[in-house]
Each structure stands twice: as C-alpha cells, then as structure tokens.
C-alpha cells in the first residue's frame, strides 16, 4: 500500500491516538501505533494541544522540541534539559518555568 504525504507536522502521541481512533480500518502498523499511543498518552488531546501551544509561545521553543516534552512530561529540570540539546542552553529560570507549566497539566 503506497501513501502520499500531503503535509508534515510533528504531533503528540495523544494527537496520533486521536487520528488513529477516527479511522475505520487500520493496518498492522497503525494498530501497533494505536496500542502504543493508548498505553503512553499522558494527557487528553485538548490539554496536550493547549500545553504545546502555550509552551511554544511562552518559551519560544521549536514545535519538535515541544512535542517531545509534551509526550514525555518530564518531572525534573534535568529531564527537561535532555530535550533541549546542546544548541539550546536555557537559563535555569526558563527551565523551571517549563516544569511549572508541565505541572499545571500533569494528571493526578
């Protein structure tokens, strides 16, 4: 089965789950992806998108970095720094702000 790429956009795990759940028929790879997304989704779709938008705007982070942070929901500043890479050294106050924003959305 050949697929045509119409556009590319980094999406969160929960967005992938929502898309796959809307499909009537899934191939084997899509079923496995849905299973993975169901197990590892940490937020509901609306909260994940809102968190990603707020994080990108407030901290001026690239979409790909934001998506990875939202997918993993790191619990410490050290964990957050692993997503930023060497090219983006952020002040401690900024990383703390990211952690505080994540904590607002964290499921209890």
PDB file of N, CA and C in Angstrom:
ATOM      1  N   UNK A   1       0.839  -1.164   0.000  1.00  0.00           N
ATOM      2  CA  UNK A   1       0.000   0.000   0.000  1.00  0.00           C
ATOM      3  C   UNK A   1       0.893   1.239   0.000  1.00  0.00           C
ATOM      4  N   UNK A   2       0.712   2.105  -0.957  1.00  0.00           N
ATOM      5  CA  UNK A   2       1.504   3.330  -1.067  1.00  0.00           C
ATOM      6  C   UNK A   2       0.743   4.483  -0.420  1.00  0.00           C
ATOM      7  N   UNK A   3       1.481   5.346   0.234  1.00  0.00           N
ATOM      8  CA  UNK A   3       0.896   6.512   0.873  1.00  0.00           C
ATOM      9  C   UNK A   3       1.461   7.764   0.234  1.00  0.00           C
ATOM     10  N   UNK A   4       0.650   8.794   0.185  1.00  0.00           N
ATOM     11  CA  UNK A   4       1.095  10.083  -0.323  1.00  0.00           C
ATOM     12  C   UNK A   4       1.174  11.048   0.855  1.00  0.00           C
ATOM     13  N   UNK A   5       2.305  11.692   1.010  1.00  0.00           N
ATOM     14  CA  UNK A   5       2.469  12.673   2.082  1.00  0.00           C
ATOM     15  C   UNK A   5       1.918  13.999   1.593  1.00  0.00           C
ATOM     16  N   UNK A   6       0.885  14.477   2.265  1.00  0.00           N
ATOM     17  CA  UNK A   6       0.270  15.747   1.880  1.00  0.00           C
ATOM     18  C   UNK A   6       0.892  16.913   2.632  1.00  0.00           C
ATOM     19  N   UNK A   7       1.246  16.674   3.890  1.00  0.00           N
ATOM     20  CA  UNK A   7       1.931  17.689   4.686  1.00  0.00           C
ATOM     21  C   UNK A   7       2.586  17.007   5.869  1.00  0.00           C
ATOM     22  N   UNK A   8       3.560  17.674   6.430  1.00  0.00           N
ATOM     23  CA  UNK A   8       4.258  17.142   7.597  1.00  0.00           C
ATOM     24  C   UNK A   8       4.063  18.080   8.771  1.00  0.00           C
ATOM     25  N   UNK A   9       3.854  17.489   9.937  1.00  0.00           N
ATOM     26  CA  UNK A   9       3.711  18.260  11.165  1.00  0.00           C
ATOM     27  C   UNK A   9       4.023  17.323  12.328  1.00  0.00           C
ATOM     28  N   UNK A  10       4.854  17.775  13.237  1.00  0.00           N
ATOM     29  CA  UNK A  10       5.126  16.982  14.428  1.00  0.00           C
ATOM     30  C   UNK A  10       3.863  16.983  15.281  1.00  0.00           C
ATOM     31  N   UNK A  11       3.438  15.797  15.705  1.00  0.00           N
ATOM     32  CA  UNK A  11       2.242  15.696  16.533  1.00  0.00           C
ATOM     33  C   UNK A  11       2.566  14.922  17.802  1.00  0.00           C
ATOM     34  N   UNK A  12       1.784  15.189  18.823  1.00  0.00           N
ATOM     35  CA  UNK A  12       1.967  14.482  20.082  1.00  0.00           C
ATOM     36  C   UNK A  12       1.411  13.066  19.963  1.00  0.00           C
ATOM     37  N   UNK A  13       1.785  12.235  20.906  1.00  0.00           N
ATOM     38  CA  UNK A  13       1.279  10.864  20.940  1.00  0.00           C
ATOM     39  C   UNK A  13      -0.242  10.869  21.023  1.00  0.00           C
ATOM     40  N   UNK A  14      -0.782  11.746  21.839  1.00  0.00           N
ATOM     41  CA  UNK A  14      -2.233  11.780  22.010  1.00  0.00           C
ATOM     42  C   UNK A  14      -2.930  12.243  20.724  1.00  0.00           C
ATOM     43  N   UNK A  15      -2.298  13.123  19.948  1.00  0.00           N
ATOM     44  CA  UNK A  15      -2.866  13.511  18.656  1.00  0.00           C
ATOM     45  C   UNK A  15      -2.859  12.328  17.693  1.00  0.00           C
ATOM     46  N   UNK A  16      -1.785  11.554  17.706  1.00  0.00           N
ATOM     47  CA  UNK A  16      -1.712  10.362  16.858  1.00  0.00           C
ATOM     48  C   UNK A  16      -2.802   9.371  17.257  1.00  0.00           C
ATOM     49  N   UNK A  17      -3.001   9.216  18.545  1.00  0.00           N
ATOM     50  CA  UNK A  17      -4.043   8.313  19.037  1.00  0.00           C
ATOM     51  C   UNK A  17      -5.410   8.756  18.535  1.00  0.00           C
ATOM     52  N   UNK A  18      -5.691  10.038  18.657  1.00  0.00           N
ATOM     53  CA  UNK A  18      -6.988  10.564  18.210  1.00  0.00           C
ATOM     54  C   UNK A  18      -7.196  10.328  16.714  1.00  0.00           C
ATOM     55  N   UNK A  19      -6.174  10.566  15.924  1.00  0.00           N
ATOM     56  CA  UNK A  19      -6.268  10.362  14.471  1.00  0.00           C
ATOM     57  C   UNK A  19      -6.526   8.895  14.154  1.00  0.00           C
ATOM     58  N   UNK A  20      -5.774   8.010  14.781  1.00  0.00           N
ATOM     59  CA  UNK A  20      -5.925   6.580  14.509  1.00  0.00           C
ATOM     60  C   UNK A  20      -7.277   6.051  14.981  1.00  0.00           C
ATOM     61  N   UNK A  21      -7.772   6.560  16.100  1.00  0.00           N
ATOM     62  CA  UNK A  21      -9.083   6.126  16.586  1.00  0.00           C
ATOM     63  C   UNK A  21     -10.206   6.540  15.645  1.00  0.00           C
ATOM     64  N   UNK A  22      -9.985   7.578  14.864  1.00  0.00           N
ATOM     65  CA  UNK A  22     -11.026   8.049  13.944  1.00  0.00           C
ATOM     66  C   UNK A  22     -11.088   7.225  12.657  1.00  0.00           C
ATOM     67  N   UNK A  23     -10.085   6.401  12.414  1.00  0.00           N
ATOM     68  CA  UNK A  23     -10.040   5.580  11.200  1.00  0.00           C
ATOM     69  C   UNK A  23     -10.923   4.345  11.360  1.00  0.00           C
ATOM     70  N   UNK A  24     -11.571   3.957  10.277  1.00  0.00           N
ATOM     71  CA  UNK A  24     -12.416   2.756  10.315  1.00  0.00           C
ATOM     72  C   UNK A  24     -11.584   1.486  10.272  1.00  0.00           C
ATOM     73  N   UNK A  25     -10.601   1.470   9.388  1.00  0.00           N
ATOM     74  CA  UNK A  25      -9.754   0.292   9.246  1.00  0.00           C
ATOM     75  C   UNK A  25      -8.297   0.694   9.429  1.00  0.00           C
ATOM     76  N   UNK A  26      -7.580  -0.129  10.175  1.00  0.00           N
ATOM     77  CA  UNK A  26      -6.166   0.133  10.423  1.00  0.00           C
ATOM     78  C   UNK A  26      -5.334  -1.043   9.935  1.00  0.00           C
ATOM     79  N   UNK A  27      -4.173  -0.721   9.362  1.00  0.00           N
ATOM     80  CA  UNK A  27      -3.255  -1.804   9.008  1.00  0.00           C
ATOM     81  C   UNK A  27      -2.480  -2.201  10.267  1.00  0.00           C
ATOM     82  N   UNK A  28      -1.625  -3.193  10.153  1.00  0.00           N
ATOM     83  CA  UNK A  28      -0.906  -3.712  11.322  1.00  0.00           C
ATOM     84  C   UNK A  28      -0.057  -2.635  12.009  1.00  0.00           C
ATOM     85  N   UNK A  29       0.667  -1.856  11.239  1.00  0.00           N
ATOM     86  CA  UNK A  29       1.500  -0.797  11.812  1.00  0.00           C
ATOM     87  C   UNK A  29       0.641   0.232  12.541  1.00  0.00           C
ATOM     88  N   UNK A  30      -0.477   0.598  11.949  1.00  0.00           N
ATOM     89  CA  UNK A  30      -1.365   1.565  12.583  1.00  0.00           C
ATOM     90  C   UNK A  30      -1.962   1.000  13.875  1.00  0.00           C
ATOM     91  N   UNK A  31      -2.317  -0.280  13.880  1.00  0.00           N
ATOM     92  CA  UNK A  31      -2.843  -0.908  15.104  1.00  0.00           C
ATOM     93  C   UNK A  31      -1.788  -0.903  16.212  1.00  0.00           C
ATOM     94  N   UNK A  32      -0.562  -1.219  15.856  1.00  0.00           N
ATOM     95  CA  UNK A  32       0.518  -1.205  16.858  1.00  0.00           C
ATOM     96  C   UNK A  32       0.768   0.212  17.374  1.00  0.00           C
ATOM     97  N   UNK A  33       0.716   1.162  16.466  1.00  0.00           N
ATOM     98  CA  UNK A  33       0.908   2.557  16.862  1.00  0.00           C
ATOM     99  C   UNK A  33      -0.212   3.006  17.790  1.00  0.00           C
ATOM    100  N   UNK A  34      -1.445   2.629  17.476  1.00  0.00           N
ATOM    101  CA  UNK A  34      -2.582   2.968  18.337  1.00  0.00           C
ATOM    102  C   UNK A  34      -2.424   2.322  19.710  1.00  0.00           C
ATOM    103  N   UNK A  35      -1.982   1.086  19.753  1.00  0.00           N
ATOM    104  CA  UNK A  35      -1.762   0.401  21.021  1.00  0.00           C
ATOM    105  C   UNK A  35      -0.714   1.144  21.851  1.00  0.00           C
ATOM    106  N   UNK A  36       0.390   1.516  21.212  1.00  0.00           N
ATOM    107  CA  UNK A  36       1.451   2.271  21.887  1.00  0.00           C
ATOM    108  C   UNK A  36       0.908   3.604  22.404  1.00  0.00           C
ATOM    109  N   UNK A  37       0.194   4.317  21.539  1.00  0.00           N
ATOM    110  CA  UNK A  37      -0.342   5.628  21.919  1.00  0.00           C
ATOM    111  C   UNK A  37      -1.328   5.499  23.075  1.00  0.00           C
ATOM    112  N   UNK A  38      -2.122   4.454  23.073  1.00  0.00           N
ATOM    113  CA  UNK A  38      -3.085   4.248  24.157  1.00  0.00           C
ATOM    114  C   UNK A  38      -2.377   4.005  25.486  1.00  0.00           C
ATOM    115  N   UNK A  39      -1.277   3.295  25.443  1.00  0.00           N
ATOM    116  CA  UNK A  39      -0.537   2.985  26.666  1.00  0.00           C
ATOM    117  C   UNK A  39       0.232   4.184  27.207  1.00  0.00           C
ATOM    118  N   UNK A  40       0.741   5.029  26.319  1.00  0.00           N
ATOM    119  CA  UNK A  40       1.665   6.072  26.753  1.00  0.00           C
ATOM    120  C   UNK A  40       1.121   7.495  26.674  1.00  0.00           C
ATOM    121  N   UNK A  41      -0.129   7.680  26.288  1.00  0.00           N
ATOM    122  CA  UNK A  41      -0.725   9.020  26.284  1.00  0.00           C
ATOM    123  C   UNK A  41      -0.834   9.508  27.719  1.00  0.00           C
ATOM    124  N   UNK A  42      -0.381  10.718  27.952  1.00  0.00           N
ATOM    125  CA  UNK A  42      -0.383  11.236  29.315  1.00  0.00           C
ATOM    126  C   UNK A  42      -1.379  12.369  29.525  1.00  0.00           C
ATOM    127  N   UNK A  43      -1.967  12.864  28.448  1.00  0.00           N
ATOM    128  CA  UNK A  43      -2.932  13.956  28.527  1.00  0.00           C
ATOM    129  C   UNK A  43      -4.079  13.677  27.573  1.00  0.00           C
ATOM    130  N   UNK A  44      -5.180  14.405  27.747  1.00  0.00           N
ATOM    131  CA  UNK A  44      -6.230  14.306  26.743  1.00  0.00           C
ATOM    132  C   UNK A  44      -5.843  15.212  25.569  1.00  0.00           C
ATOM    133  N   UNK A  45      -6.429  15.010  24.391  1.00  0.00           N
ATOM    134  CA  UNK A  45      -5.997  15.749  23.191  1.00  0.00           C
ATOM    135  C   UNK A  45      -6.046  17.272  23.331  1.00  0.00           C
ATOM    136  N   UNK A  46      -7.107  17.783  23.934  1.00  0.00           N
ATOM    137  CA  UNK A  46      -7.235  19.234  24.069  1.00  0.00           C
ATOM    138  C   UNK A  46      -6.160  19.804  24.989  1.00  0.00           C
ATOM    139  N   UNK A  47      -5.920  19.129  26.096  1.00  0.00           N
ATOM    140  CA  UNK A  47      -4.898  19.590  27.041  1.00  0.00           C
ATOM    141  C   UNK A  47      -3.510  19.528  26.418  1.00  0.00           C
ATOM    142  N   UNK A  48      -3.233  18.462  25.677  1.00  0.00           N
ATOM    143  CA  UNK A  48      -1.917  18.323  25.040  1.00  0.00           C
ATOM    144  C   UNK A  48      -1.678  19.438  24.035  1.00  0.00           C
ATOM    145  N   UNK A  49      -2.683  19.747  23.228  1.00  0.00           N
ATOM    146  CA  UNK A  49      -2.521  20.801  22.224  1.00  0.00           C
ATOM    147  C   UNK A  49      -2.389  22.170  22.883  1.00  0.00           C
ATOM    148  N   UNK A  50      -3.175  22.405  23.920  1.00  0.00           N
ATOM    149  CA  UNK A  50      -3.087  23.678  24.639  1.00  0.00           C
ATOM    150  C   UNK A  50      -1.719  23.832  25.302  1.00  0.00           C
ATOM    151  N   UNK A  51      -1.246  22.769  25.938  1.00  0.00           N
ATOM    152  CA  UNK A  51       0.071  22.798  26.579  1.00  0.00           C
ATOM    153  C   UNK A  51       1.160  23.056  25.549  1.00  0.00           C
ATOM    154  N   UNK A  52       1.102  22.366  24.421  1.00  0.00           N
ATOM    155  CA  UNK A  52       2.108  22.554  23.368  1.00  0.00           C
ATOM    156  C   UNK A  52       2.096  23.992  22.855  1.00  0.00           C
ATOM    157  N   UNK A  53       0.913  24.527  22.635  1.00  0.00           N
ATOM    158  CA  UNK A  53       0.798  25.905  22.148  1.00  0.00           C
ATOM    159  C   UNK A  53       1.362  26.893  23.167  1.00  0.00           C
ATOM    160  N   UNK A  54       0.959  26.746  24.421  1.00  0.00           N
ATOM    161  CA  UNK A  54       1.435  27.662  25.461  1.00  0.00           C
ATOM    162  C   UNK A  54       2.950  27.586  25.634  1.00  0.00           C
ATOM    163  N   UNK A  55       3.482  26.365  25.616  1.00  0.00           N
ATOM    164  CA  UNK A  55       4.922  26.189  25.794  1.00  0.00           C
ATOM    165  C   UNK A  55       5.695  26.817  24.640  1.00  0.00           C
ATOM    166  N   UNK A  56       5.236  26.592  23.423  1.00  0.00           N
ATOM    167  CA  UNK A  56       5.917  27.150  22.248  1.00  0.00           C
ATOM    168  C   UNK A  56       5.897  28.672  22.287  1.00  0.00           C
ATOM    169  N   UNK A  57       4.750  29.242  22.640  1.00  0.00           N
ATOM    170  CA  UNK A  57       4.624  30.702  22.676  1.00  0.00           C
ATOM    171  C   UNK A  57       5.423  31.322  23.814  1.00  0.00           C
ATOM    172  N   UNK A  58       5.263  30.787  25.003  1.00  0.00           N
ATOM    173  CA  UNK A  58       5.880  31.390  26.184  1.00  0.00           C
ATOM    174  C   UNK A  58       7.399  31.257  26.197  1.00  0.00           C
ATOM    175  N   UNK A  59       7.901  30.102  25.739  1.00  0.00           N
ATOM    176  CA  UNK A  59       9.333  29.841  25.847  1.00  0.00           C
ATOM    177  C   UNK A  59      10.051  29.838  24.504  1.00  0.00           C
ATOM    178  N   UNK A  60       9.313  30.138  23.425  1.00  0.00           N
ATOM    179  CA  UNK A  60       9.872  30.241  22.072  1.00  0.00           C
ATOM    180  C   UNK A  60      10.667  28.989  21.696  1.00  0.00           C
ATOM    181  N   UNK A  61      10.053  27.837  21.912  1.00  0.00           N
ATOM    182  CA  UNK A  61      10.674  26.557  21.572  1.00  0.00           C
ATOM    183  C   UNK A  61      10.132  26.061  20.239  1.00  0.00           C
ATOM    184  N   UNK A  62      10.946  25.309  19.519  1.00  0.00           N
ATOM    185  CA  UNK A  62      10.519  24.731  18.249  1.00  0.00           C
ATOM    186  C   UNK A  62       9.464  23.656  18.497  1.00  0.00           C
ATOM    187  N   UNK A  63       8.574  23.486  17.534  1.00  0.00           N
ATOM    188  CA  UNK A  63       7.467  22.529  17.656  1.00  0.00           C
ATOM    189  C   UNK A  63       7.978  21.114  17.984  1.00  0.00           C
ATOM    190  N   UNK A  64       9.029  20.668  17.322  1.00  0.00           N
ATOM    191  CA  UNK A  64       9.540  19.322  17.560  1.00  0.00           C
ATOM    192  C   UNK A  64       9.981  19.106  18.999  1.00  0.00           C
ATOM    193  N   UNK A  65      10.634  20.097  19.583  1.00  0.00           N
ATOM    194  CA  UNK A  65      11.078  20.013  20.979  1.00  0.00           C
ATOM    195  C   UNK A  65       9.868  20.003  21.905  1.00  0.00           C
ATOM    196  N   UNK A  66       8.922  20.875  21.625  1.00  0.00           N
ATOM    197  CA  UNK A  66       7.709  20.953  22.442  1.00  0.00           C
ATOM    198  C   UNK A  66       6.962  19.620  22.426  1.00  0.00           C
ATOM    199  N   UNK A  67       6.816  19.033  21.253  1.00  0.00           N
ATOM    200  CA  UNK A  67       6.103  17.759  21.123  1.00  0.00           C
ATOM    201  C   UNK A  67       6.776  16.679  21.961  1.00  0.00           C
ATOM    202  N   UNK A  68       8.094  16.603  21.906  1.00  0.00           N
ATOM    203  CA  UNK A  68       8.798  15.588  22.689  1.00  0.00           C
ATOM    204  C   UNK A  68       8.626  15.816  24.191  1.00  0.00           C
ATOM    205  N   UNK A  69       8.660  17.064  24.607  1.00  0.00           N
ATOM    206  CA  UNK A  69       8.467  17.365  26.028  1.00  0.00           C
ATOM    207  C   UNK A  69       7.050  16.992  26.457  1.00  0.00           C
ATOM    208  N   UNK A  70       6.054  17.360  25.656  1.00  0.00           N
ATOM    209  CA  UNK A  70       4.663  17.034  25.990  1.00  0.00           C
ATOM    210  C   UNK A  70       4.455  15.519  26.001  1.00  0.00           C
ATOM    211  N   UNK A  71       5.052  14.812  25.062  1.00  0.00           N
ATOM    212  CA  UNK A  71       4.908  13.352  25.022  1.00  0.00           C
ATOM    213  C   UNK A  71       5.441  12.694  26.287  1.00  0.00           C
ATOM    214  N   UNK A  72       6.551  13.173  26.786  1.00  0.00           N
ATOM    215  CA  UNK A  72       7.222  12.528  27.927  1.00  0.00           C
ATOM    216  C   UNK A  72       6.842  13.122  29.277  1.00  0.00           C
ATOM    217  N   UNK A  73       6.379  14.364  29.288  1.00  0.00           N
ATOM    218  CA  UNK A  73       6.006  15.042  30.525  1.00  0.00           C
ATOM    219  C   UNK A  73       7.081  14.872  31.603  1.00  0.00           C
ATOM    220  N   UNK A  74       8.313  15.338  31.329  1.00  0.00           N
ATOM    221  CA  UNK A  74       9.404  15.180  32.297  1.00  0.00           C
ATOM    222  C   UNK A  74       9.046  15.795  33.649  1.00  0.00           C
ATOM    223  N   UNK A  75       9.604  15.213  34.706  1.00  0.00           N
ATOM    224  CA  UNK A  75       9.264  15.624  36.064  1.00  0.00           C
ATOM    225  C   UNK A  75      10.362  16.406  36.768  1.00  0.00           C
ATOM    226  N   UNK A  76      11.460  16.661  36.096  1.00  0.00           N
ATOM    227  CA  UNK A  76      12.538  17.428  36.721  1.00  0.00           C
ATOM    228  C   UNK A  76      13.180  18.349  35.682  1.00  0.00           C
ATOM    229  N   UNK A  77      13.892  19.337  36.183  1.00  0.00           N
ATOM    230  CA  UNK A  77      14.587  20.258  35.278  1.00  0.00           C
ATOM    231  C   UNK A  77      15.664  19.524  34.498  1.00  0.00           C
ATOM    232  N   UNK A  78      16.324  18.557  35.115  1.00  0.00           N
ATOM    233  CA  UNK A  78      17.361  17.787  34.424  1.00  0.00           C
ATOM    234  C   UNK A  78      16.765  17.010  33.255  1.00  0.00           C
ATOM    235  N   UNK A  79      15.593  16.416  33.473  1.00  0.00           N
ATOM    236  CA  UNK A  79      14.930  15.686  32.390  1.00  0.00           C
ATOM    237  C   UNK A  79      14.548  16.630  31.250  1.00  0.00           C
ATOM    238  N   UNK A  80      14.073  17.808  31.573  1.00  0.00           N
ATOM    239  CA  UNK A  80      13.703  18.787  30.538  1.00  0.00           C
ATOM    240  C   UNK A  80      14.925  19.156  29.715  1.00  0.00           C
ATOM    241  N   UNK A  81      16.038  19.367  30.372  1.00  0.00           N
ATOM    242  CA  UNK A  81      17.260  19.757  29.656  1.00  0.00           C
ATOM    243  C   UNK A  81      17.682  18.714  28.619  1.00  0.00           C
ATOM    244  N   UNK A  82      17.363  17.440  28.839  1.00  0.00           N
ATOM    245  CA  UNK A  82      17.746  16.414  27.862  1.00  0.00           C
ATOM    246  C   UNK A  82      17.050  16.619  26.523  1.00  0.00           C
ATOM    247  N   UNK A  83      15.908  17.261  26.516  1.00  0.00           N
ATOM    248  CA  UNK A  83      15.175  17.501  25.273  1.00  0.00           C
ATOM    249  C   UNK A  83      15.675  18.734  24.534  1.00  0.00           C
ATOM    250  N   UNK A  84      16.362  19.595  25.227  1.00  0.00           N
ATOM    251  CA  UNK A  84      16.761  20.873  24.640  1.00  0.00           C
ATOM    252  C   UNK A  84      18.003  20.759  23.769  1.00  0.00           C
ATOM    253  N   UNK A  85      18.858  19.805  24.026  1.00  0.00           N
ATOM    254  CA  UNK A  85      20.060  19.642  23.213  1.00  0.00           C
ATOM    255  C   UNK A  85      21.091  20.719  23.489  1.00  0.00           C
ATOM    256  N   UNK A  86      22.234  20.543  22.887  1.00  0.00           N
ATOM    257  CA  UNK A  86      23.347  21.476  23.098  1.00  0.00           C
ATOM    258  C   UNK A  86      23.098  22.836  22.471  1.00  0.00           C
ATOM    259  N   UNK A  87      22.325  22.865  21.404  1.00  0.00           N
ATOM    260  CA  UNK A  87      22.126  24.133  20.701  1.00  0.00           C
ATOM    261  C   UNK A  87      21.230  25.104  21.460  1.00  0.00           C
ATOM    262  N   UNK A  88      20.488  24.621  22.452  1.00  0.00           N
ATOM    263  CA  UNK A  88      19.581  25.488  23.195  1.00  0.00           C
ATOM    264  C   UNK A  88      19.878  25.420  24.683  1.00  0.00           C
ATOM    265  N   UNK A  89      20.797  26.210  25.139  1.00  0.00           N
ATOM    266  CA  UNK A  89      21.080  26.291  26.566  1.00  0.00           C
ATOM    267  C   UNK A  89      20.165  27.372  27.131  1.00  0.00           C
ATOM    268  N   UNK A  90      19.237  26.965  27.975  1.00  0.00           N
ATOM    269  CA  UNK A  90      18.276  27.907  28.540  1.00  0.00           C
ATOM    270  C   UNK A  90      18.621  28.211  29.993  1.00  0.00           C
ATOM    271  N   UNK A  91      18.322  29.420  30.425  1.00  0.00           N
ATOM    272  CA  UNK A  91      18.547  29.767  31.830  1.00  0.00           C
ATOM    273  C   UNK A  91      17.717  28.866  32.751  1.00  0.00           C
ATOM    274  N   UNK A  92      18.208  28.672  33.948  1.00  0.00           N
ATOM    275  CA  UNK A  92      17.519  27.834  34.926  1.00  0.00           C
ATOM    276  C   UNK A  92      16.098  28.320  35.165  1.00  0.00           C
ATOM    277  N   UNK A  93      15.893  29.625  35.212  1.00  0.00           N
ATOM    278  CA  UNK A  93      14.548  30.169  35.442  1.00  0.00           C
ATOM    279  C   UNK A  93      13.586  29.759  34.331  1.00  0.00           C
ATOM    280  N   UNK A  94      14.072  29.697  33.104  1.00  0.00           N
ATOM    281  CA  UNK A  94      13.232  29.292  31.975  1.00  0.00           C
ATOM    282  C   UNK A  94      12.872  27.819  32.081  1.00  0.00           C
ATOM    283  N   UNK A  95      13.851  26.989  32.392  1.00  0.00           N
ATOM    284  CA  UNK A  95      13.594  25.551  32.537  1.00  0.00           C
ATOM    285  C   UNK A  95      12.628  25.317  33.700  1.00  0.00           C
ATOM    286  N   UNK A  96      12.789  26.071  34.770  1.00  0.00           N
ATOM    287  CA  UNK A  96      11.870  25.976  35.906  1.00  0.00           C
ATOM    288  C   UNK A  96      10.459  26.372  35.467  1.00  0.00           C
ATOM    289  N   UNK A  97      10.360  27.394  34.628  1.00  0.00           N
ATOM    290  CA  UNK A  97       9.059  27.815  34.106  1.00  0.00           C
ATOM    291  C   UNK A  97       8.399  26.727  33.271  1.00  0.00           C
ATOM    292  N   UNK A  98       9.188  26.025  32.472  1.00  0.00           N
ATOM    293  CA  UNK A  98       8.661  24.907  31.674  1.00  0.00           C
ATOM    294  C   UNK A  98       8.126  23.827  32.610  1.00  0.00           C
ATOM    295  N   UNK A  99       8.885  23.507  33.649  1.00  0.00           N
ATOM    296  CA  UNK A  99       8.463  22.487  34.610  1.00  0.00           C
ATOM    297  C   UNK A  99       7.164  22.905  35.307  1.00  0.00           C
ATOM    298  N   UNK A 100       7.059  24.160  35.686  1.00  0.00           N
ATOM    299  CA  UNK A 100       5.841  24.648  36.336  1.00  0.00           C
ATOM    300  C   UNK A 100       4.646  24.550  35.394  1.00  0.00           C
ATOM    301  N   UNK A 101       4.858  24.872  34.116  1.00  0.00           N
ATOM    302  CA  UNK A 101       3.782  24.751  33.129  1.00  0.00           C
ATOM    303  C   UNK A 101       3.368  23.288  32.977  1.00  0.00           C
ATOM    304  N   UNK A 102       4.328  22.386  32.891  1.00  0.00           N
ATOM    305  CA  UNK A 102       4.011  20.955  32.804  1.00  0.00           C
ATOM    306  C   UNK A 102       3.209  20.500  34.020  1.00  0.00           C
ATOM    307  N   UNK A 103       3.582  20.977  35.184  1.00  0.00           N
ATOM    308  CA  UNK A 103       2.890  20.578  36.413  1.00  0.00           C
ATOM    309  C   UNK A 103       1.432  21.019  36.420  1.00  0.00           C
ATOM    310  N   UNK A 104       1.120  22.112  35.730  1.00  0.00           N
ATOM    311  CA  UNK A 104      -0.271  22.560  35.627  1.00  0.00           C
ATOM    312  C   UNK A 104      -1.133  21.533  34.894  1.00  0.00           C
ATOM    313  N   UNK A 105      -0.534  20.789  33.984  1.00  0.00           N
ATOM    314  CA  UNK A 105      -1.281  19.851  33.143  1.00  0.00           C
ATOM    315  C   UNK A 105      -1.131  18.393  33.571  1.00  0.00           C
ATOM    316  N   UNK A 106      -0.260  18.141  34.496  1.00  0.00           N
ATOM    317  CA  UNK A 106       0.026  16.768  34.905  1.00  0.00           C
ATOM    318  C   UNK A 106      -1.213  16.133  35.532  1.00  0.00           C
ATOM    319  N   UNK A 107      -1.512  14.898  35.113  1.00  0.00           N
ATOM    320  CA  UNK A 107      -2.641  14.166  35.695  1.00  0.00           C
ATOM    321  C   UNK A 107      -2.287  13.759  37.110  1.00  0.00           C
ATOM    322  N   UNK A 108      -3.254  13.828  37.965  1.00  0.00           N
ATOM    323  CA  UNK A 108      -3.006  13.446  39.363  1.00  0.00           C
ATOM    324  C   UNK A 108      -3.408  12.016  39.611  1.00  0.00           C
TER     325      UNK A 108
END
